[in-house]
Amino acid sequence: MAPRTFAPHLVQWRIIEAAQARGCTQYDLWGIAPAGAPDHPWAGFSVFKRGFGGREIRYMHAHDLSLKSHYLLVHLVETLRRRRRGLQLW
């Protein structure tokens, strides 16, 4: 049997190396599932991201400023989509 290759790991590692060569000191993999939530939709790639080490930083989530009245419909649709995917509803 051929050895398993983890292409995403290699790609991310090469990107991190290139960023370091350019003088970058941080690399944001953005978004992970909460610890201890194996059924979370992001659980699989969160394991991948945590495998690189680093630290978890929590930022305030984005806020939308409604300038048009039809935004209420957009907000409703996005809320329903998050609920359907099992994501936090803010």
PDB file of N, CA and C in Angstrom:
ATOM      1  N   MET A   1       0.844  -1.172   0.000  1.00  0.00           N
ATOM      2  CA  MET A   1       0.000   0.000   0.000  1.00  0.00           C
ATOM      3  C   MET A   1       0.892   1.239   0.000  1.00  0.00           C
ATOM      4  N   ALA A   2       0.506   2.231  -0.788  1.00  0.00           N
ATOM      5  CA  ALA A   2       1.267   3.476  -0.870  1.00  0.00           C
ATOM      6  C   ALA A   2       1.096   4.275   0.414  1.00  0.00           C
ATOM      7  N   PRO A   3       2.133   4.983   0.826  1.00  0.00           N
ATOM      8  CA  PRO A   3       1.992   5.812   2.036  1.00  0.00           C
ATOM      9  C   PRO A   3       0.979   6.928   1.810  1.00  0.00           C
ATOM     10  N   ARG A   4       0.304   7.298   2.886  1.00  0.00           N
ATOM     11  CA  ARG A   4      -0.688   8.375   2.798  1.00  0.00           C
ATOM     12  C   ARG A   4       0.031   9.702   2.635  1.00  0.00           C
ATOM     13  N   THR A   5      -0.480  10.504   1.753  1.00  0.00           N
ATOM     14  CA  THR A   5       0.056  11.852   1.599  1.00  0.00           C
ATOM     15  C   THR A   5      -1.023  12.834   2.026  1.00  0.00           C
ATOM     16  N   PHE A   6      -0.586  13.856   2.653  1.00  0.00           N
ATOM     17  CA  PHE A   6      -1.504  14.881   3.131  1.00  0.00           C
ATOM     18  C   PHE A   6      -1.209  16.170   2.379  1.00  0.00           C
ATOM     19  N   ALA A   7      -1.708  16.243   1.162  1.00  0.00           N
ATOM     20  CA  ALA A   7      -1.431  17.388   0.296  1.00  0.00           C
ATOM     21  C   ALA A   7      -1.826  18.717   0.937  1.00  0.00           C
ATOM     22  N   PRO A   8      -2.986  18.812   1.601  1.00  0.00           N
ATOM     23  CA  PRO A   8      -3.328  20.103   2.212  1.00  0.00           C
ATOM     24  C   PRO A   8      -2.292  20.555   3.245  1.00  0.00           C
ATOM     25  N   HIS A   9      -1.730  19.604   3.996  1.00  0.00           N
ATOM     26  CA  HIS A   9      -0.703  19.960   4.969  1.00  0.00           C
ATOM     27  C   HIS A   9       0.512  20.560   4.256  1.00  0.00           C
ATOM     28  N   LEU A  10       0.929  19.925   3.186  1.00  0.00           N
ATOM     29  CA  LEU A  10       2.097  20.392   2.447  1.00  0.00           C
ATOM     30  C   LEU A  10       1.841  21.770   1.833  1.00  0.00           C
ATOM     31  N   VAL A  11       0.673  21.955   1.258  1.00  0.00           N
ATOM     32  CA  VAL A  11       0.345  23.249   0.660  1.00  0.00           C
ATOM     33  C   VAL A  11       0.375  24.345   1.720  1.00  0.00           C
ATOM     34  N   GLN A  12      -0.275  24.101   2.852  1.00  0.00           N
ATOM     35  CA  GLN A  12      -0.294  25.109   3.919  1.00  0.00           C
ATOM     36  C   GLN A  12       1.126  25.372   4.429  1.00  0.00           C
ATOM     37  N   TRP A  13       1.903  24.315   4.573  1.00  0.00           N
ATOM     38  CA  TRP A  13       3.268  24.493   5.077  1.00  0.00           C
ATOM     39  C   TRP A  13       4.093  25.339   4.114  1.00  0.00           C
ATOM     40  N   ARG A  14       3.945  25.104   2.823  1.00  0.00           N
ATOM     41  CA  ARG A  14       4.669  25.902   1.820  1.00  0.00           C
ATOM     42  C   ARG A  14       4.228  27.366   1.870  1.00  0.00           C
ATOM     43  N   ILE A  15       2.933  27.600   2.069  1.00  0.00           N
ATOM     44  CA  ILE A  15       2.430  28.967   2.183  1.00  0.00           C
ATOM     45  C   ILE A  15       3.016  29.638   3.422  1.00  0.00           C
ATOM     46  N   ILE A  16       3.062  28.913   4.525  1.00  0.00           N
ATOM     47  CA  ILE A  16       3.633  29.451   5.766  1.00  0.00           C
ATOM     48  C   ILE A  16       5.110  29.773   5.558  1.00  0.00           C
ATOM     49  N   GLU A  17       5.849  28.883   4.894  1.00  0.00           N
ATOM     50  CA  GLU A  17       7.269  29.144   4.621  1.00  0.00           C
ATOM     51  C   GLU A  17       7.448  30.398   3.758  1.00  0.00           C
ATOM     52  N   ALA A  18       6.604  30.542   2.737  1.00  0.00           N
ATOM     53  CA  ALA A  18       6.685  31.721   1.868  1.00  0.00           C
ATOM     54  C   ALA A  18       6.367  32.990   2.652  1.00  0.00           C
ATOM     55  N   ALA A  19       5.389  32.910   3.536  1.00  0.00           N
ATOM     56  CA  ALA A  19       5.029  34.070   4.361  1.00  0.00           C
ATOM     57  C   ALA A  19       6.189  34.437   5.291  1.00  0.00           C
ATOM     58  N   GLN A  20       6.819  33.430   5.888  1.00  0.00           N
ATOM     59  CA  GLN A  20       7.964  33.689   6.759  1.00  0.00           C
ATOM     60  C   GLN A  20       9.105  34.338   5.977  1.00  0.00           C
ATOM     61  N   ALA A  21       9.338  33.858   4.751  1.00  0.00           N
ATOM     62  CA  ALA A  21      10.395  34.424   3.911  1.00  0.00           C
ATOM     63  C   ALA A  21      10.129  35.892   3.600  1.00  0.00           C
ATOM     64  N   ARG A  22       8.882  36.285   3.592  1.00  0.00           N
ATOM     65  CA  ARG A  22       8.513  37.685   3.336  1.00  0.00           C
ATOM     66  C   ARG A  22       8.480  38.509   4.615  1.00  0.00           C
ATOM     67  N   GLY A  23       8.817  37.902   5.733  1.00  0.00           N
ATOM     68  CA  GLY A  23       8.873  38.632   6.996  1.00  0.00           C
ATOM     69  C   GLY A  23       7.596  38.593   7.809  1.00  0.00           C
ATOM     70  N   CYS A  24       6.607  37.824   7.389  1.00  0.00           N
ATOM     71  CA  CYS A  24       5.360  37.727   8.150  1.00  0.00           C
ATOM     72  C   CYS A  24       5.604  36.958   9.445  1.00  0.00           C
ATOM     73  N   THR A  25       4.944  37.386  10.499  1.00  0.00           N
ATOM     74  CA  THR A  25       5.098  36.724  11.789  1.00  0.00           C
ATOM     75  C   THR A  25       3.834  36.000  12.228  1.00  0.00           C
ATOM     76  N   GLN A  26       2.731  36.199  11.500  1.00  0.00           N
ATOM     77  CA  GLN A  26       1.479  35.528  11.832  1.00  0.00           C
ATOM     78  C   GLN A  26       0.822  35.022  10.559  1.00  0.00           C
ATOM     79  N   TYR A  27       0.081  33.927  10.713  1.00  0.00           N
ATOM     80  CA  TYR A  27      -0.646  33.347   9.588  1.00  0.00           C
ATOM     81  C   TYR A  27      -1.999  32.899  10.114  1.00  0.00           C
ATOM     82  N   ASP A  28      -3.051  33.454   9.585  1.00  0.00           N
ATOM     83  CA  ASP A  28      -4.398  33.197  10.090  1.00  0.00           C
ATOM     84  C   ASP A  28      -5.082  32.111   9.256  1.00  0.00           C
ATOM     85  N   LEU A  29      -5.358  30.973   9.875  1.00  0.00           N
ATOM     86  CA  LEU A  29      -6.086  29.895   9.199  1.00  0.00           C
ATOM     87  C   LEU A  29      -7.589  30.096   9.292  1.00  0.00           C
ATOM     88  N   TRP A  30      -8.055  31.054  10.020  1.00  0.00           N
ATOM     89  CA  TRP A  30      -9.430  31.496  10.183  1.00  0.00           C
ATOM     90  C   TRP A  30     -10.440  30.378  10.453  1.00  0.00           C
ATOM     91  N   GLY A  31     -11.033  30.431  11.574  1.00  0.00           N
ATOM     92  CA  GLY A  31     -12.198  29.616  11.902  1.00  0.00           C
ATOM     93  C   GLY A  31     -11.917  28.189  12.300  1.00  0.00           C
ATOM     94  N   ILE A  32     -12.290  27.847  13.509  1.00  0.00           N
ATOM     95  CA  ILE A  32     -12.210  26.468  13.985  1.00  0.00           C
ATOM     96  C   ILE A  32     -13.473  26.155  14.785  1.00  0.00           C
ATOM     97  N   ALA A  33     -13.726  24.858  14.893  1.00  0.00           N
ATOM     98  CA  ALA A  33     -14.858  24.413  15.706  1.00  0.00           C
ATOM     99  C   ALA A  33     -14.490  24.525  17.184  1.00  0.00           C
ATOM    100  N   PRO A  34     -15.463  24.682  18.041  1.00  0.00           N
ATOM    101  CA  PRO A  34     -15.166  24.699  19.476  1.00  0.00           C
ATOM    102  C   PRO A  34     -14.528  23.376  19.906  1.00  0.00           C
ATOM    103  N   ALA A  35     -13.612  23.454  20.841  1.00  0.00           N
ATOM    104  CA  ALA A  35     -12.970  22.240  21.366  1.00  0.00           C
ATOM    105  C   ALA A  35     -14.033  21.331  21.978  1.00  0.00           C
ATOM    106  N   GLY A  36     -13.910  20.041  21.742  1.00  0.00           N
ATOM    107  CA  GLY A  36     -14.849  19.080  22.310  1.00  0.00           C
ATOM    108  C   GLY A  36     -16.185  19.020  21.596  1.00  0.00           C
ATOM    109  N   ALA A  37     -16.227  19.431  20.336  1.00  0.00           N
ATOM    110  CA  ALA A  37     -17.470  19.395  19.557  1.00  0.00           C
ATOM    111  C   ALA A  37     -17.253  18.560  18.294  1.00  0.00           C
ATOM    112  N   PRO A  38     -17.161  17.228  18.438  1.00  0.00           N
ATOM    113  CA  PRO A  38     -16.843  16.372  17.290  1.00  0.00           C
ATOM    114  C   PRO A  38     -17.915  16.358  16.204  1.00  0.00           C
ATOM    115  N   ASP A  39     -19.132  16.769  16.515  1.00  0.00           N
ATOM    116  CA  ASP A  39     -20.208  16.786  15.516  1.00  0.00           C
ATOM    117  C   ASP A  39     -20.362  18.139  14.825  1.00  0.00           C
ATOM    118  N   HIS A  40     -19.533  19.092  15.192  1.00  0.00           N
ATOM    119  CA  HIS A  40     -19.596  20.417  14.572  1.00  0.00           C
ATOM    120  C   HIS A  40     -19.212  20.301  13.096  1.00  0.00           C
ATOM    121  N   PRO A  41     -19.865  21.063  12.212  1.00  0.00           N
ATOM    122  CA  PRO A  41     -19.549  20.977  10.780  1.00  0.00           C
ATOM    123  C   PRO A  41     -18.087  21.270  10.447  1.00  0.00           C
ATOM    124  N   TRP A  42     -17.393  22.016  11.299  1.00  0.00           N
ATOM    125  CA  TRP A  42     -15.991  22.354  11.035  1.00  0.00           C
ATOM    126  C   TRP A  42     -15.016  21.449  11.772  1.00  0.00           C
ATOM    127  N   ALA A  43     -15.494  20.407  12.430  1.00  0.00           N
ATOM    128  CA  ALA A  43     -14.633  19.575  13.279  1.00  0.00           C
ATOM    129  C   ALA A  43     -13.461  18.971  12.513  1.00  0.00           C
ATOM    130  N   GLY A  44     -13.692  18.452  11.326  1.00  0.00           N
ATOM    131  CA  GLY A  44     -12.625  17.790  10.566  1.00  0.00           C
ATOM    132  C   GLY A  44     -11.482  18.712  10.215  1.00  0.00           C
ATOM    133  N   PHE A  45     -11.775  19.848   9.605  1.00  0.00           N
ATOM    134  CA  PHE A  45     -10.663  20.710   9.237  1.00  0.00           C
ATOM    135  C   PHE A  45     -10.129  21.507  10.408  1.00  0.00           C
ATOM    136  N   SER A  46     -10.849  21.511  11.534  1.00  0.00           N
ATOM    137  CA  SER A  46     -10.307  22.138  12.738  1.00  0.00           C
ATOM    138  C   SER A  46      -9.170  21.292  13.296  1.00  0.00           C
ATOM    139  N   VAL A  47      -9.296  19.980  13.205  1.00  0.00           N
ATOM    140  CA  VAL A  47      -8.205  19.080  13.614  1.00  0.00           C
ATOM    141  C   VAL A  47      -6.974  19.374  12.759  1.00  0.00           C
ATOM    142  N   PHE A  48      -7.201  19.524  11.455  1.00  0.00           N
ATOM    143  CA  PHE A  48      -6.125  19.852  10.524  1.00  0.00           C
ATOM    144  C   PHE A  48      -5.447  21.160  10.935  1.00  0.00           C
ATOM    145  N   LYS A  49      -6.230  22.189  11.206  1.00  0.00           N
ATOM    146  CA  LYS A  49      -5.673  23.494  11.546  1.00  0.00           C
ATOM    147  C   LYS A  49      -4.928  23.455  12.877  1.00  0.00           C
ATOM    148  N   ARG A  50      -5.495  22.760  13.855  1.00  0.00           N
ATOM    149  CA  ARG A  50      -4.835  22.683  15.159  1.00  0.00           C
ATOM    150  C   ARG A  50      -3.515  21.929  15.068  1.00  0.00           C
ATOM    151  N   GLY A  51      -3.381  21.079  14.058  1.00  0.00           N
ATOM    152  CA  GLY A  51      -2.146  20.325  13.877  1.00  0.00           C
ATOM    153  C   GLY A  51      -0.944  21.200  13.587  1.00  0.00           C
ATOM    154  N   PHE A  52      -1.167  22.446  13.201  1.00  0.00           N
ATOM    155  CA  PHE A  52      -0.065  23.359  12.931  1.00  0.00           C
ATOM    156  C   PHE A  52       0.400  24.085  14.183  1.00  0.00           C
ATOM    157  N   GLY A  53      -0.264  23.830  15.312  1.00  0.00           N
ATOM    158  CA  GLY A  53       0.115  24.523  16.541  1.00  0.00           C
ATOM    159  C   GLY A  53      -0.518  25.898  16.569  1.00  0.00           C
ATOM    160  N   GLY A  54       0.196  26.842  17.071  1.00  0.00           N
ATOM    161  CA  GLY A  54      -0.330  28.201  17.130  1.00  0.00           C
ATOM    162  C   GLY A  54      -1.269  28.393  18.303  1.00  0.00           C
ATOM    163  N   ARG A  55      -2.093  29.396  18.191  1.00  0.00           N
ATOM    164  CA  ARG A  55      -3.015  29.693  19.283  1.00  0.00           C
ATOM    165  C   ARG A  55      -4.353  30.141  18.716  1.00  0.00           C
ATOM    166  N   GLU A  56      -5.371  29.955  19.526  1.00  0.00           N
ATOM    167  CA  GLU A  56      -6.713  30.381  19.137  1.00  0.00           C
ATOM    168  C   GLU A  56      -6.926  31.806  19.620  1.00  0.00           C
ATOM    169  N   ILE A  57      -7.362  32.649  18.709  1.00  0.00           N
ATOM    170  CA  ILE A  57      -7.677  34.031  19.048  1.00  0.00           C
ATOM    171  C   ILE A  57      -9.141  34.257  18.702  1.00  0.00           C
ATOM    172  N   ARG A  58      -9.877  34.775  19.656  1.00  0.00           N
ATOM    173  CA  ARG A  58     -11.291  35.058  19.419  1.00  0.00           C
ATOM    174  C   ARG A  58     -11.474  36.544  19.156  1.00  0.00           C
ATOM    175  N   TYR A  59     -12.083  36.830  18.025  1.00  0.00           N
ATOM    176  CA  TYR A  59     -12.399  38.196  17.654  1.00  0.00           C
ATOM    177  C   TYR A  59     -13.911  38.389  17.736  1.00  0.00           C
ATOM    178  N   MET A  60     -14.311  39.628  17.868  1.00  0.00           N
ATOM    179  CA  MET A  60     -15.729  39.923  17.807  1.00  0.00           C
ATOM    180  C   MET A  60     -16.201  39.601  16.390  1.00  0.00           C
ATOM    181  N   HIS A  61     -17.348  38.971  16.278  1.00  0.00           N
ATOM    182  CA  HIS A  61     -17.845  38.638  14.945  1.00  0.00           C
ATOM    183  C   HIS A  61     -18.226  39.909  14.183  1.00  0.00           C
ATOM    184  N   ALA A  62     -18.320  39.764  12.885  1.00  0.00           N
ATOM    185  CA  ALA A  62     -18.627  40.907  12.034  1.00  0.00           C
ATOM    186  C   ALA A  62     -20.038  41.419  12.290  1.00  0.00           C
ATOM    187  N   HIS A  63     -20.206  42.690  12.119  1.00  0.00           N
ATOM    188  CA  HIS A  63     -21.518  43.316  12.267  1.00  0.00           C
ATOM    189  C   HIS A  63     -21.881  43.997  10.956  1.00  0.00           C
ATOM    190  N   ASP A  64     -23.095  43.848  10.550  1.00  0.00           N
ATOM    191  CA  ASP A  64     -23.573  44.498   9.336  1.00  0.00           C
ATOM    192  C   ASP A  64     -24.368  45.746   9.715  1.00  0.00           C
ATOM    193  N   LEU A  65     -24.142  46.781   8.976  1.00  0.00           N
ATOM    194  CA  LEU A  65     -24.890  48.005   9.163  1.00  0.00           C
ATOM    195  C   LEU A  65     -25.888  48.104   8.018  1.00  0.00           C
ATOM    196  N   SER A  66     -27.136  47.992   8.342  1.00  0.00           N
ATOM    197  CA  SER A  66     -28.183  47.997   7.337  1.00  0.00           C
ATOM    198  C   SER A  66     -28.409  49.408   6.796  1.00  0.00           C
ATOM    199  N   LEU A  67     -28.197  49.554   5.494  1.00  0.00           N
ATOM    200  CA  LEU A  67     -28.449  50.836   4.848  1.00  0.00           C
ATOM    201  C   LEU A  67     -29.692  50.797   3.975  1.00  0.00           C
ATOM    202  N   LYS A  68     -30.185  49.616   3.731  1.00  0.00           N
ATOM    203  CA  LYS A  68     -31.380  49.445   2.904  1.00  0.00           C
ATOM    204  C   LYS A  68     -32.414  48.640   3.695  1.00  0.00           C
ATOM    205  N   SER A  69     -33.662  48.897   3.464  1.00  0.00           N
ATOM    206  CA  SER A  69     -34.713  48.206   4.216  1.00  0.00           C
ATOM    207  C   SER A  69     -34.812  46.728   3.850  1.00  0.00           C
ATOM    208  N   HIS A  70     -34.391  46.347   2.650  1.00  0.00           N
ATOM    209  CA  HIS A  70     -34.506  44.936   2.267  1.00  0.00           C
ATOM    210  C   HIS A  70     -33.462  44.049   2.967  1.00  0.00           C
ATOM    211  N   TYR A  71     -32.561  44.652   3.747  1.00  0.00           N
ATOM    212  CA  TYR A  71     -31.572  43.867   4.464  1.00  0.00           C
ATOM    213  C   TYR A  71     -32.220  42.902   5.453  1.00  0.00           C
ATOM    214  N   LEU A  72     -33.369  43.249   5.973  1.00  0.00           N
ATOM    215  CA  LEU A  72     -34.054  42.363   6.917  1.00  0.00           C
ATOM    216  C   LEU A  72     -34.271  40.988   6.304  1.00  0.00           C
ATOM    217  N   LEU A  73     -34.618  40.924   5.032  1.00  0.00           N
ATOM    218  CA  LEU A  73     -34.792  39.646   4.343  1.00  0.00           C
ATOM    219  C   LEU A  73     -33.462  38.900   4.244  1.00  0.00           C
ATOM    220  N   VAL A  74     -32.396  39.609   3.919  1.00  0.00           N
ATOM    221  CA  VAL A  74     -31.064  38.992   3.848  1.00  0.00           C
ATOM    222  C   VAL A  74     -30.684  38.430   5.210  1.00  0.00           C
ATOM    223  N   HIS A  75     -30.904  39.193   6.255  1.00  0.00           N
ATOM    224  CA  HIS A  75     -30.592  38.746   7.610  1.00  0.00           C
ATOM    225  C   HIS A  75     -31.376  37.479   7.964  1.00  0.00           C
ATOM    226  N   LEU A  76     -32.632  37.432   7.620  1.00  0.00           N
ATOM    227  CA  LEU A  76     -33.462  36.261   7.889  1.00  0.00           C
ATOM    228  C   LEU A  76     -32.916  35.032   7.158  1.00  0.00           C
ATOM    229  N   VAL A  77     -32.597  35.177   5.892  1.00  0.00           N
ATOM    230  CA  VAL A  77     -32.069  34.056   5.108  1.00  0.00           C
ATOM    231  C   VAL A  77     -30.751  33.563   5.703  1.00  0.00           C
ATOM    232  N   GLU A  78     -29.845  34.470   6.047  1.00  0.00           N
ATOM    233  CA  GLU A  78     -28.562  34.076   6.612  1.00  0.00           C
ATOM    234  C   GLU A  78     -28.738  33.393   7.978  1.00  0.00           C
ATOM    235  N   THR A  79     -29.649  33.863   8.779  1.00  0.00           N
ATOM    236  CA  THR A  79     -29.925  33.232  10.073  1.00  0.00           C
ATOM    237  C   THR A  79     -30.438  31.813   9.875  1.00  0.00           C
ATOM    238  N   LEU A  80     -31.344  31.614   8.940  1.00  0.00           N
ATOM    239  CA  LEU A  80     -31.863  30.275   8.663  1.00  0.00           C
ATOM    240  C   LEU A  80     -30.763  29.357   8.137  1.00  0.00           C
ATOM    241  N   ARG A  81     -29.874  29.882   7.299  1.00  0.00           N
ATOM    242  CA  ARG A  81     -28.765  29.075   6.774  1.00  0.00           C
ATOM    243  C   ARG A  81     -27.836  28.636   7.894  1.00  0.00           C
ATOM    244  N   ARG A  82     -27.507  29.546   8.816  1.00  0.00           N
ATOM    245  CA  ARG A  82     -26.636  29.188   9.942  1.00  0.00           C
ATOM    246  C   ARG A  82     -27.303  28.138  10.817  1.00  0.00           C
ATOM    247  N   ARG A  83     -28.570  28.304  11.096  1.00  0.00           N
ATOM    248  CA  ARG A  83     -29.298  27.337  11.931  1.00  0.00           C
ATOM    249  C   ARG A  83     -29.292  25.959  11.272  1.00  0.00           C
ATOM    250  N   ARG A  84     -29.530  25.930   9.963  1.00  0.00           N
ATOM    251  CA  ARG A  84     -29.564  24.659   9.226  1.00  0.00           C
ATOM    252  C   ARG A  84     -28.210  23.946   9.265  1.00  0.00           C
ATOM    253  N   ARG A  85     -27.122  24.728   9.222  1.00  0.00           N
ATOM    254  CA  ARG A  85     -25.784  24.138   9.254  1.00  0.00           C
ATOM    255  C   ARG A  85     -25.302  23.866  10.670  1.00  0.00           C
ATOM    256  N   GLY A  86     -26.074  24.251  11.666  1.00  0.00           N
ATOM    257  CA  GLY A  86     -25.693  23.995  13.056  1.00  0.00           C
ATOM    258  C   GLY A  86     -24.636  24.951  13.573  1.00  0.00           C
ATOM    259  N   LEU A  87     -24.528  26.113  12.967  1.00  0.00           N
ATOM    260  CA  LEU A  87     -23.532  27.094  13.407  1.00  0.00           C
ATOM    261  C   LEU A  87     -24.144  28.011  14.443  1.00  0.00           C
ATOM    262  N   GLN A  88     -23.259  28.675  15.179  1.00  0.00           N
ATOM    263  CA  GLN A  88     -23.697  29.588  16.222  1.00  0.00           C
ATOM    264  C   GLN A  88     -24.527  30.709  15.603  1.00  0.00           C
ATOM    265  N   LEU A  89     -25.564  31.107  16.276  1.00  0.00           N
ATOM    266  CA  LEU A  89     -26.477  32.100  15.728  1.00  0.00           C
ATOM    267  C   LEU A  89     -26.201  33.514  16.219  1.00  0.00           C
ATOM    268  N   TRP A  90     -25.146  33.755  16.911  1.00  0.00           N
ATOM    269  CA  TRP A  90     -24.768  35.079  17.404  1.00  0.00           C
ATOM    270  C   TRP A  90     -25.890  35.683  18.157  1.00  0.00           C
TER     271      TRP A  90
END
